[in-house]
Amino acid sequence: MIELTLGSLFDGIGVFPLAASRYGIIPIWASEVEKAPISITKRHFPNMLHL
């Protein structure tokens, strides 16, 4: 079985990685510039790399 991974551009509060993770897709990295949305995504995905 192939393991799917995800990189998220313009991530916002991480809704796309959250939805993808519910279907077995592993979020690996995200790109966002605003501090508030980054803090929300880090709460849900502490191991995700933020670029």
N, C-alpha and C. Protein backbone atom coordinates (compact mmCIF):
# COMPACT_ATOMS: atom_id res chain seq x y z
N MET A 1 0.84 -1.18 0.00
CA MET A 1 0.00 0.00 0.00
C MET A 1 0.88 1.24 0.00
N ILE A 2 0.53 2.23 -0.78
CA ILE A 2 1.28 3.46 -0.88
C ILE A 2 0.86 4.40 0.24
N GLU A 3 1.85 4.98 0.92
CA GLU A 3 1.58 5.95 1.98
C GLU A 3 1.58 7.35 1.37
N LEU A 4 0.47 8.06 1.49
CA LEU A 4 0.36 9.41 0.95
C LEU A 4 0.80 10.43 1.98
N THR A 5 1.54 11.43 1.51
CA THR A 5 1.97 12.53 2.38
C THR A 5 1.48 13.84 1.77
N LEU A 6 1.56 14.90 2.58
CA LEU A 6 1.00 16.17 2.16
C LEU A 6 1.91 17.33 2.54
N GLY A 7 2.07 18.27 1.63
CA GLY A 7 2.68 19.55 1.91
C GLY A 7 1.63 20.60 1.62
N SER A 8 1.48 21.59 2.49
CA SER A 8 0.40 22.55 2.36
C SER A 8 0.93 23.97 2.17
N LEU A 9 0.66 24.56 1.01
CA LEU A 9 1.02 25.96 0.74
C LEU A 9 -0.12 26.86 1.19
N PHE A 10 0.20 28.04 1.69
CA PHE A 10 -0.81 28.99 2.15
C PHE A 10 -1.76 28.29 3.13
N ASP A 11 -1.18 27.71 4.16
CA ASP A 11 -1.85 26.75 5.04
C ASP A 11 -2.98 27.33 5.87
N GLY A 12 -2.92 28.59 6.23
CA GLY A 12 -3.96 29.15 7.10
C GLY A 12 -3.95 28.46 8.45
N ILE A 13 -5.10 28.00 8.92
CA ILE A 13 -5.17 27.36 10.23
C ILE A 13 -5.07 25.84 10.12
N GLY A 14 -4.68 25.33 8.97
CA GLY A 14 -4.43 23.89 8.81
C GLY A 14 -5.66 23.04 8.57
N VAL A 15 -6.69 23.59 7.94
CA VAL A 15 -7.90 22.82 7.69
C VAL A 15 -7.67 21.71 6.68
N PHE A 16 -6.91 21.99 5.63
CA PHE A 16 -6.66 20.95 4.62
C PHE A 16 -5.85 19.79 5.20
N PRO A 17 -4.76 20.05 5.95
CA PRO A 17 -4.07 18.92 6.58
C PRO A 17 -4.95 18.16 7.57
N LEU A 18 -5.81 18.87 8.27
CA LEU A 18 -6.71 18.21 9.22
C LEU A 18 -7.66 17.26 8.49
N ALA A 19 -8.27 17.73 7.42
CA ALA A 19 -9.17 16.88 6.64
C ALA A 19 -8.43 15.70 6.03
N ALA A 20 -7.25 15.96 5.48
CA ALA A 20 -6.46 14.89 4.85
C ALA A 20 -6.06 13.83 5.87
N SER A 21 -5.69 14.25 7.08
CA SER A 21 -5.25 13.29 8.09
C SER A 21 -6.38 12.35 8.50
N ARG A 22 -7.60 12.79 8.38
CA ARG A 22 -8.75 11.93 8.71
C ARG A 22 -8.94 10.82 7.68
N TYR A 23 -8.28 10.94 6.54
CA TYR A 23 -8.34 9.91 5.50
C TYR A 23 -7.01 9.18 5.35
N GLY A 24 -6.15 9.30 6.36
CA GLY A 24 -4.90 8.54 6.37
C GLY A 24 -3.73 9.20 5.66
N ILE A 25 -3.89 10.43 5.19
CA ILE A 25 -2.81 11.16 4.54
C ILE A 25 -1.99 11.85 5.61
N ILE A 26 -0.68 11.74 5.55
CA ILE A 26 0.20 12.26 6.59
C ILE A 26 0.71 13.65 6.21
N PRO A 27 0.33 14.70 6.95
CA PRO A 27 0.85 16.04 6.68
C PRO A 27 2.32 16.13 7.11
N ILE A 28 3.19 16.55 6.20
CA ILE A 28 4.63 16.61 6.47
C ILE A 28 5.08 18.04 6.72
N TRP A 29 4.64 18.98 5.88
CA TRP A 29 5.08 20.38 6.04
C TRP A 29 3.95 21.33 5.65
N ALA A 30 4.10 22.57 6.13
CA ALA A 30 3.14 23.62 5.80
C ALA A 30 3.88 24.93 5.63
N SER A 31 3.31 25.81 4.81
CA SER A 31 3.87 27.12 4.58
C SER A 31 2.82 28.17 4.90
N GLU A 32 3.13 29.03 5.86
CA GLU A 32 2.24 30.11 6.26
C GLU A 32 3.11 31.20 6.86
N VAL A 33 2.69 32.47 6.74
CA VAL A 33 3.48 33.58 7.26
C VAL A 33 2.88 34.23 8.50
N GLU A 34 1.58 34.08 8.70
CA GLU A 34 0.92 34.70 9.85
C GLU A 34 1.12 33.85 11.11
N LYS A 35 1.49 34.51 12.21
CA LYS A 35 1.82 33.79 13.45
C LYS A 35 0.62 33.11 14.09
N ALA A 36 -0.54 33.75 14.11
CA ALA A 36 -1.72 33.17 14.75
C ALA A 36 -2.16 31.85 14.09
N PRO A 37 -2.28 31.79 12.76
CA PRO A 37 -2.65 30.51 12.14
C PRO A 37 -1.59 29.43 12.35
N ILE A 38 -0.31 29.82 12.35
CA ILE A 38 0.75 28.84 12.58
C ILE A 38 0.60 28.22 13.96
N SER A 39 0.27 29.01 14.96
CA SER A 39 0.13 28.47 16.32
C SER A 39 -1.03 27.47 16.41
N ILE A 40 -2.10 27.72 15.66
CA ILE A 40 -3.23 26.79 15.65
C ILE A 40 -2.82 25.48 14.98
N THR A 41 -2.15 25.57 13.85
CA THR A 41 -1.71 24.36 13.15
C THR A 41 -0.72 23.57 14.00
N LYS A 42 0.19 24.25 14.68
CA LYS A 42 1.16 23.56 15.54
C LYS A 42 0.48 22.82 16.68
N ARG A 43 -0.63 23.34 17.17
CA ARG A 43 -1.37 22.67 18.23
C ARG A 43 -1.94 21.34 17.72
N HIS A 44 -2.45 21.33 16.48
CA HIS A 44 -3.04 20.12 15.92
C HIS A 44 -1.99 19.14 15.37
N PHE A 45 -0.88 19.69 14.87
CA PHE A 45 0.16 18.88 14.24
C PHE A 45 1.53 19.29 14.78
N PRO A 46 1.88 18.88 15.98
CA PRO A 46 3.14 19.33 16.58
C PRO A 46 4.40 18.84 15.84
N ASN A 47 4.28 17.76 15.07
CA ASN A 47 5.45 17.24 14.36
C ASN A 47 5.58 17.76 12.94
N MET A 48 4.63 18.57 12.47
CA MET A 48 4.69 19.09 11.11
C MET A 48 5.73 20.20 11.02
N LEU A 49 6.53 20.17 9.97
CA LEU A 49 7.54 21.19 9.71
C LEU A 49 6.87 22.43 9.14
N HIS A 50 7.17 23.59 9.71
CA HIS A 50 6.61 24.85 9.21
C HIS A 50 7.71 25.65 8.51
N LEU A 51 7.46 25.96 7.25
CA LEU A 51 8.43 26.68 6.43
C LEU A 51 8.01 28.11 6.25
